[in-house]
Every structure is written in structure tokens, then in C-alpha cells.
N, C-alpha and C. Protein backbone atom coordinates (compact mmCIF):
# COMPACT_ATOMS: atom_id res chain seq x y z
N UNK A 1 0.71 -1.07 -0.25
CA UNK A 1 0.13 0.06 0.10
C UNK A 1 1.15 1.22 -0.17
N UNK A 2 0.70 1.87 -1.07
CA UNK A 2 1.16 3.12 -0.67
C UNK A 2 0.88 4.51 -0.24
N UNK A 3 0.96 5.56 0.89
CA UNK A 3 0.25 6.55 1.01
C UNK A 3 0.62 7.57 0.34
N UNK A 4 -0.67 8.25 0.88
CA UNK A 4 0.21 10.85 0.08
C UNK A 4 -1.02 11.21 0.53
N UNK A 5 0.00 12.02 2.05
CA UNK A 5 -1.24 13.19 2.80
C UNK A 5 -1.22 14.13 1.77
N UNK A 6 -1.96 15.48 1.53
CA UNK A 6 -2.18 16.30 1.60
C UNK A 6 -3.18 17.47 1.72
N UNK A 7 -2.25 18.58 2.10
CA UNK A 7 -3.17 19.31 2.13
C UNK A 7 -3.92 20.31 0.87
N UNK A 8 -5.01 20.74 1.03
CA UNK A 8 -5.94 21.86 -0.86
C UNK A 8 -4.31 23.25 -1.12
N UNK A 9 -3.83 23.72 0.05
CA UNK A 9 -3.17 24.82 -0.92
C UNK A 9 -2.13 25.13 0.31
N UNK A 10 -1.19 25.39 0.24
CA UNK A 10 0.53 25.62 0.99
C UNK A 10 0.00 27.49 1.55
N UNK A 11 -1.04 27.96 1.94
CA UNK A 11 -0.96 28.53 2.52
C UNK A 11 -2.73 28.83 3.09
N UNK A 12 -3.19 29.60 4.01
CA UNK A 12 -3.83 29.87 4.35
C UNK A 12 -4.45 31.54 4.96
N UNK A 13 -5.16 31.84 4.19
CA UNK A 13 -5.54 33.24 4.56
C UNK A 13 -6.26 33.03 6.41
N UNK A 14 -6.85 33.67 7.20
CA UNK A 14 -7.00 33.89 7.99
C UNK A 14 -8.34 33.23 8.08
N UNK A 15 -9.18 32.57 8.74
CA UNK A 15 -11.11 32.18 9.32
C UNK A 15 -11.12 31.29 8.07
N UNK A 16 -10.14 30.18 6.95
CA UNK A 16 -9.84 29.70 5.72
C UNK A 16 -9.73 28.45 6.38
N UNK A 17 -10.10 27.32 6.15
CA UNK A 17 -9.60 26.51 7.02
C UNK A 17 -9.31 25.65 6.11
N UNK A 18 -7.77 24.75 5.81
CA UNK A 18 -7.80 23.43 5.29
C UNK A 18 -8.53 22.12 5.03
N UNK A 19 -8.19 21.70 3.79
CA UNK A 19 -8.52 21.23 3.39
C UNK A 19 -7.89 19.71 3.88
N UNK A 20 -8.08 17.77 4.03
CA UNK A 20 -6.70 17.45 4.21
C UNK A 20 -6.91 15.88 3.28
N UNK A 21 -5.59 15.71 2.55
CA UNK A 21 -6.38 14.43 1.86
C UNK A 21 -5.58 13.66 2.43
N UNK A 22 -6.17 12.07 2.74
CA UNK A 22 -4.84 10.93 2.33
C UNK A 22 -6.03 9.96 1.10
N UNK A 23 -5.05 9.71 0.66
CA UNK A 23 -4.82 9.27 -0.28
C UNK A 23 -4.40 8.07 -0.33
N UNK A 24 -4.57 6.79 -0.48
CA UNK A 24 -3.75 5.41 -1.08
C UNK A 24 -4.18 4.23 -2.05
N UNK A 25 -3.12 3.91 -2.14
CA UNK A 25 -2.25 2.94 -3.54
C UNK A 25 -2.89 1.64 -3.13
N UNK A 26 -3.22 0.30 -3.13
CA UNK A 26 -2.21 -1.19 -3.96
C UNK A 26 -2.09 -1.04 -4.74
N UNK A 27 -0.38 -1.33 -4.57
CA UNK A 27 0.44 -1.01 -4.73
C UNK A 27 0.70 -3.03 -5.53
N UNK A 28 0.30 -3.83 -4.60
CA UNK A 28 -0.14 -5.60 -4.69
C UNK A 28 -1.00 -5.53 -5.34
N UNK A 29 -0.72 -6.84 -5.90
CA UNK A 29 -1.11 -7.71 -7.06
C UNK A 29 -2.67 -7.98 -6.43
N UNK A 30 -2.99 -7.71 -5.97
CA UNK A 30 -3.96 -9.07 -5.30
C UNK A 30 -4.83 -7.87 -4.70
N UNK A 31 -6.48 -7.32 -4.34
CA UNK A 31 -6.86 -7.39 -2.90
C UNK A 31 -6.72 -6.98 -2.01
N UNK A 32 -7.10 -6.64 -1.30
CA UNK A 32 -6.87 -6.04 0.13
C UNK A 32 -7.16 -4.71 0.94
N UNK A 33 -7.91 -5.77 2.43
CA UNK A 33 -9.36 -4.51 2.87
C UNK A 33 -8.46 -3.42 3.98
N UNK A 34 -8.11 -3.22 4.02
CA UNK A 34 -7.77 -1.22 4.35
C UNK A 34 -8.40 -0.88 6.26
N UNK A 35 -8.30 -0.85 7.23
CA UNK A 35 -9.26 -0.37 8.12
C UNK A 35 -9.38 1.21 7.95
N UNK A 36 -9.79 1.99 7.54
CA UNK A 36 -9.90 3.48 7.72
C UNK A 36 -10.90 4.28 8.15
N UNK A 37 -10.71 4.22 9.34
CA UNK A 37 -11.20 4.06 10.77
C UNK A 37 -10.48 4.84 11.57
N UNK A 38 -10.92 5.80 12.94
CA UNK A 38 -8.91 6.08 13.47
C UNK A 38 -9.38 5.74 14.40
N UNK A 39 -9.41 4.62 14.46
CA UNK A 39 -8.47 3.75 14.94
C UNK A 39 -6.97 3.41 14.55
N UNK A 40 -7.20 3.11 13.79
CA UNK A 40 -5.75 2.23 12.71
C UNK A 40 -5.56 3.54 11.90
N UNK A 41 -6.50 4.70 11.35
CA UNK A 41 -5.68 5.41 10.60
C UNK A 41 -5.69 7.03 11.02
N UNK A 42 -5.20 7.98 10.47
CA UNK A 42 -4.73 8.88 10.49
C UNK A 42 -4.59 10.34 10.50
N UNK A 43 -5.07 11.38 10.34
CA UNK A 43 -3.99 12.71 9.68
C UNK A 43 -3.41 13.17 11.22
N UNK A 44 -2.29 13.71 11.67
CA UNK A 44 -2.17 14.91 11.90
C UNK A 44 -0.92 15.71 11.92
N UNK A 45 -1.72 17.34 12.39
CA UNK A 45 -1.18 18.33 11.77
C UNK A 45 0.21 18.45 12.89
N UNK A 46 1.66 18.91 12.63
CA UNK A 46 2.08 19.12 13.75
C UNK A 46 3.10 20.69 13.58
N UNK A 47 3.50 20.60 14.49
CA UNK A 47 3.53 21.85 14.90
C UNK A 47 5.06 22.10 14.99
N UNK A 48 6.62 23.02 15.24
CA UNK A 48 8.01 22.15 15.48
C UNK A 48 7.55 20.96 16.05
N UNK A 49 7.63 20.68 14.63
CA UNK A 49 7.33 18.96 14.89
C UNK A 49 7.19 18.29 16.25
N UNK A 50 5.88 18.78 16.94
CA UNK A 50 5.39 18.01 17.68
C UNK A 50 3.49 18.01 17.55
N UNK A 51 2.98 16.75 17.82
CA UNK A 51 1.41 16.90 17.13
C UNK A 51 0.33 18.10 17.53
N UNK A 52 0.07 18.44 17.09
CA UNK A 52 -0.65 19.77 17.27
C UNK A 52 -2.33 19.23 16.90
N UNK A 53 -2.25 18.53 16.34
CA UNK A 53 -3.84 17.74 16.04
C UNK A 53 -3.94 16.74 15.41
N UNK A 54 -4.36 16.07 15.32
CA UNK A 54 -4.79 15.20 15.06
C UNK A 54 -7.05 14.76 14.71
N UNK A 55 -6.76 13.40 13.61
CA UNK A 55 -7.74 13.34 13.31
C UNK A 55 -8.72 11.65 14.91
N UNK A 56 -7.32 11.47 14.56
CA UNK A 56 -8.47 10.10 15.44
C UNK A 56 -8.57 10.87 16.83
N UNK A 57 -8.26 11.63 17.23
CA UNK A 57 -8.57 12.38 19.20
C UNK A 57 -9.82 12.83 18.84
N UNK A 58 -10.75 12.49 19.92
CA UNK A 58 -11.84 13.17 20.54
C UNK A 58 -13.13 12.96 19.97
N UNK A 59 -12.80 11.80 18.58
CA UNK A 59 -13.80 11.44 18.03
C UNK A 59 -14.23 8.84 18.39
N UNK A 60 -15.19 9.05 18.10
CA UNK A 60 -16.00 7.51 18.20
C UNK A 60 -14.63 7.33 17.42
N UNK A 61 -14.39 5.72 17.38
CA UNK A 61 -13.52 4.75 17.35
C UNK A 61 -13.36 4.06 16.91
N UNK A 62 -14.69 3.81 15.66
CA UNK A 62 -15.34 2.09 14.89
C UNK A 62 -14.60 1.72 13.42
N UNK A 63 -14.33 0.73 13.38
CA UNK A 63 -13.46 0.61 12.16
C UNK A 63 -14.63 0.40 11.08
N UNK A 64 -13.38 0.89 9.84
CA UNK A 64 -14.43 1.67 8.18
C UNK A 64 -12.88 0.68 7.87
N UNK A 65 -13.91 -0.18 7.76
CA UNK A 65 -12.63 -1.65 6.19
C UNK A 65 -13.56 -0.92 4.91
N UNK A 66 -12.18 -0.95 4.30
CA UNK A 66 -12.38 -0.02 2.76
C UNK A 66 -11.82 -1.36 1.73
N UNK A 67 -12.96 -1.87 0.86
CA UNK A 67 -11.39 -3.04 0.19
C UNK A 67 -10.66 -2.16 -1.33
N UNK A 68 -9.30 -2.50 -0.94
CA UNK A 68 -8.34 -2.43 -1.94
C UNK A 68 -8.56 -2.11 -3.17
N UNK A 69 -8.00 -2.22 -4.53
CA UNK A 69 -7.52 -3.12 -5.89
C UNK A 69 -7.02 -2.35 -6.78
N UNK A 70 -6.26 -3.76 -6.79
CA UNK A 70 -4.81 -3.17 -7.57
C UNK A 70 -4.95 -1.79 -8.14
N UNK A 71 -3.43 -1.04 -7.84
CA UNK A 71 -3.86 0.73 -9.15
C UNK A 71 -4.94 1.44 -8.73
N UNK A 72 -6.15 1.09 -8.18
CA UNK A 72 -6.80 1.94 -7.13
C UNK A 72 -7.24 2.81 -6.49
N UNK A 73 -7.32 3.41 -6.25
CA UNK A 73 -7.05 5.09 -5.32
C UNK A 73 -8.52 5.34 -4.22
N UNK A 74 -7.98 5.31 -3.31
CA UNK A 74 -9.25 6.22 -2.64
C UNK A 74 -8.40 6.58 -1.20
N UNK A 75 -9.59 8.21 -1.04
CA UNK A 75 -8.92 8.45 -0.88
C UNK A 75 -9.90 8.83 0.58
N UNK A 76 -9.24 9.98 1.52
CA UNK A 76 -10.11 9.65 3.00
C UNK A 76 -9.72 11.53 2.49
N UNK A 77 -10.87 12.71 2.80
CA UNK A 77 -10.73 13.48 3.20
C UNK A 77 -10.96 14.54 4.40
N UNK A 78 -11.13 15.48 4.30
CA UNK A 78 -11.66 16.33 6.56
C UNK A 78 -10.54 17.71 6.16
N UNK A 79 -11.64 17.98 6.48
CA UNK A 79 -11.97 19.66 6.67
C UNK A 79 -11.67 19.76 8.62
N UNK A 80 -10.18 20.45 8.50
CA UNK A 80 -9.56 20.72 9.65
C UNK A 80 -9.56 22.21 9.97
N UNK A 81 -10.77 22.37 11.11
CA UNK A 81 -10.95 23.86 12.01
C UNK A 81 -10.01 24.72 12.96
N UNK A 82 -8.01 24.33 11.56
CA UNK A 82 -7.37 24.79 12.14
C UNK A 82 -7.33 25.44 14.65
N UNK A 83 -8.19 23.95 14.48
CA UNK A 83 -7.99 24.27 17.00
C UNK A 83 -6.92 22.77 16.87
N UNK A 84 -6.18 22.61 17.53
CA UNK A 84 -5.33 21.34 18.69
C UNK A 84 -6.11 20.57 19.19
N UNK A 85 -6.61 19.28 19.59
CA UNK A 85 -7.10 18.87 20.84
C UNK A 85 -6.14 17.62 20.49
N UNK A 86 -4.74 18.16 21.30
CA UNK A 86 -3.97 16.92 21.67
C UNK A 86 -4.02 17.43 22.93
N UNK A 87 -4.82 18.27 23.35
CA UNK A 87 -4.53 18.42 25.37
C UNK A 87 -5.53 17.68 25.96
N UNK A 88 -6.17 17.28 24.90
CA UNK A 88 -7.28 17.10 25.62
C UNK A 88 -8.36 17.18 24.93
N UNK A 89 -9.77 16.49 24.76
CA UNK A 89 -10.93 16.87 23.79
C UNK A 89 -11.56 17.92 25.62
N UNK A 90 -11.81 18.57 26.00
CA UNK A 90 -12.06 19.54 26.71
C UNK A 90 -11.31 20.91 26.75
N UNK A 91 -10.05 20.23 25.86
CA UNK A 91 -8.86 22.03 25.99
C UNK A 91 -8.74 22.29 24.12
N UNK A 92 -10.24 22.38 24.03
CA UNK A 92 -9.97 22.35 22.28
C UNK A 92 -9.39 23.88 21.83
N UNK A 93 -8.69 24.57 21.33
CA UNK A 93 -8.31 25.43 21.56
C UNK A 93 -7.20 26.19 19.89
N UNK A 94 -8.01 26.93 19.01
CA UNK A 94 -6.82 27.93 18.01
C UNK A 94 -6.00 28.21 18.17
N UNK A 95 -5.09 27.60 16.96
CA UNK A 95 -3.92 27.30 16.51
C UNK A 95 -3.59 28.85 16.46
N UNK A 96 -2.55 29.42 16.53
CA UNK A 96 -1.87 30.92 16.22
C UNK A 96 -1.51 30.53 14.42
N UNK A 97 -1.23 31.67 13.69
CA UNK A 97 -0.73 31.66 12.74
C UNK A 97 0.13 31.55 12.42
N UNK A 98 0.98 29.90 11.42
CA UNK A 98 2.71 29.94 10.95
C UNK A 98 2.62 29.25 10.11
N UNK A 99 3.90 27.75 10.51
CA UNK A 99 4.19 27.35 9.92
C UNK A 99 3.50 25.96 10.57
N UNK A 100 2.92 24.69 9.47
CA UNK A 100 1.98 23.34 10.31
C UNK A 100 2.38 22.44 8.83
N UNK A 101 2.99 21.31 9.89
CA UNK A 101 2.91 19.95 8.61
C UNK A 101 2.29 19.05 8.72
N UNK A 102 2.30 17.87 7.70
CA UNK A 102 1.54 17.00 7.99
C UNK A 102 1.74 15.59 7.78
N UNK A 103 1.42 14.92 8.32
CA UNK A 103 1.45 13.50 9.13
C UNK A 103 0.22 12.70 8.85
N UNK A 104 0.75 11.25 8.30
CA UNK A 104 -0.49 10.49 8.19
C UNK A 104 -0.56 8.88 8.55
N UNK A 105 -1.40 8.14 9.23
CA UNK A 105 -0.85 6.98 9.19
C UNK A 105 -1.87 6.36 8.67
N UNK A 106 -1.41 5.21 8.03
CA UNK A 106 -2.14 3.47 7.84
C UNK A 106 -1.73 2.33 8.68
N UNK A 107 -2.50 2.12 9.82
CA UNK A 107 -1.63 0.89 10.34
C UNK A 107 -0.27 0.76 10.74
N UNK A 108 0.63 0.57 9.89
CA UNK A 108 1.60 0.72 10.64
C UNK A 108 2.56 1.87 9.66
N UNK A 109 1.62 2.24 8.38
CA UNK A 109 2.34 2.62 7.56
C UNK A 109 2.07 4.54 7.32
N UNK A 110 3.80 5.12 7.61
CA UNK A 110 3.97 6.87 7.49
C UNK A 110 3.83 7.65 6.75
N UNK A 111 3.96 8.51 6.00
CA UNK A 111 3.29 9.36 4.98
C UNK A 111 3.64 10.83 5.43
N UNK A 112 4.53 11.08 4.93
CA UNK A 112 4.90 12.70 5.01
C UNK A 112 4.24 13.66 4.63
N UNK A 113 3.82 15.37 4.48
CA UNK A 113 2.52 15.61 3.77
C UNK A 113 3.31 16.49 3.43
N UNK A 114 4.26 17.70 4.50
CA UNK A 114 4.74 18.62 3.68
C UNK A 114 4.47 19.66 4.36
N UNK A 115 4.68 20.99 4.32
CA UNK A 115 4.81 21.97 5.63
C UNK A 115 3.03 22.52 4.34
N UNK A 116 2.70 23.50 5.59
CA UNK A 116 1.31 24.62 4.84
C UNK A 116 1.38 25.41 5.81
N UNK A 117 1.15 27.10 5.96
CA UNK A 117 1.04 28.09 6.52
C UNK A 117 -0.36 28.28 7.32
N UNK A 118 -0.46 29.11 7.80
CA UNK A 118 -2.11 29.08 8.71
C UNK A 118 -1.30 31.16 8.98
N UNK A 119 -2.64 31.76 8.13
CA UNK A 119 -2.07 32.60 8.68
C UNK A 119 -2.46 33.31 9.51
């Protein structure tokens, strides 16, 4: 399986929410099943190399099995509200302007998605 995580822009003006996209492709020769639920899959926004927001925090964690066929891509799109949720679900707060990075994981596979900025 090959992973790729991206944001829909490299910079965001104040008030604009980034859309984060995780793409998965089965690079094998046989179909496989991948759990895209929040227990096995997450997109993380990093600030200074440390998690600032993670898609799997503060949500229900049902399994979401998805069938992947060779060479066919699956996408998971998330809107991010520019908040942090790594300090607990009751301490969600807006993040300041600055540089952020993306990281995604599905099971043991990890993909780095580059940097973007918030104004």
C-alpha cells in the first residue's frame, strides 16, 4: 500500500479551513482490505515537529474496512478547523498563525505531507 497526504493549499488566509486528503493505493497484485477508521488511520498536523491536532482524537473509533484493488486509489478528505486537540477533548483551542506540517498513518505505514502556513 502506498500513502500520500496533502493539504489543498500551501497557505491559508485567516478564517479559511484547510482540507486534508489522505490517498491510498494498493500497489500489490491482489485486492486487500484496509481499516480507514480512526483506530487504525490518522492525519496529524504538526507544529515545530510535535502533534498539534490529530484526526483520531476526540472522535468515536469505529472500524471502517475499505476494499482496495490493485492500482485503484481511495481518498479520505477531512476539513480541519485550525484547532488543537492534543491537550484533551475539553481543551480544544484555535492554533496561532505559523508553519505547520502534515503526517498520516494507516496501520504501520506513515506518509509525510509537507508544510503549509496559516495566516
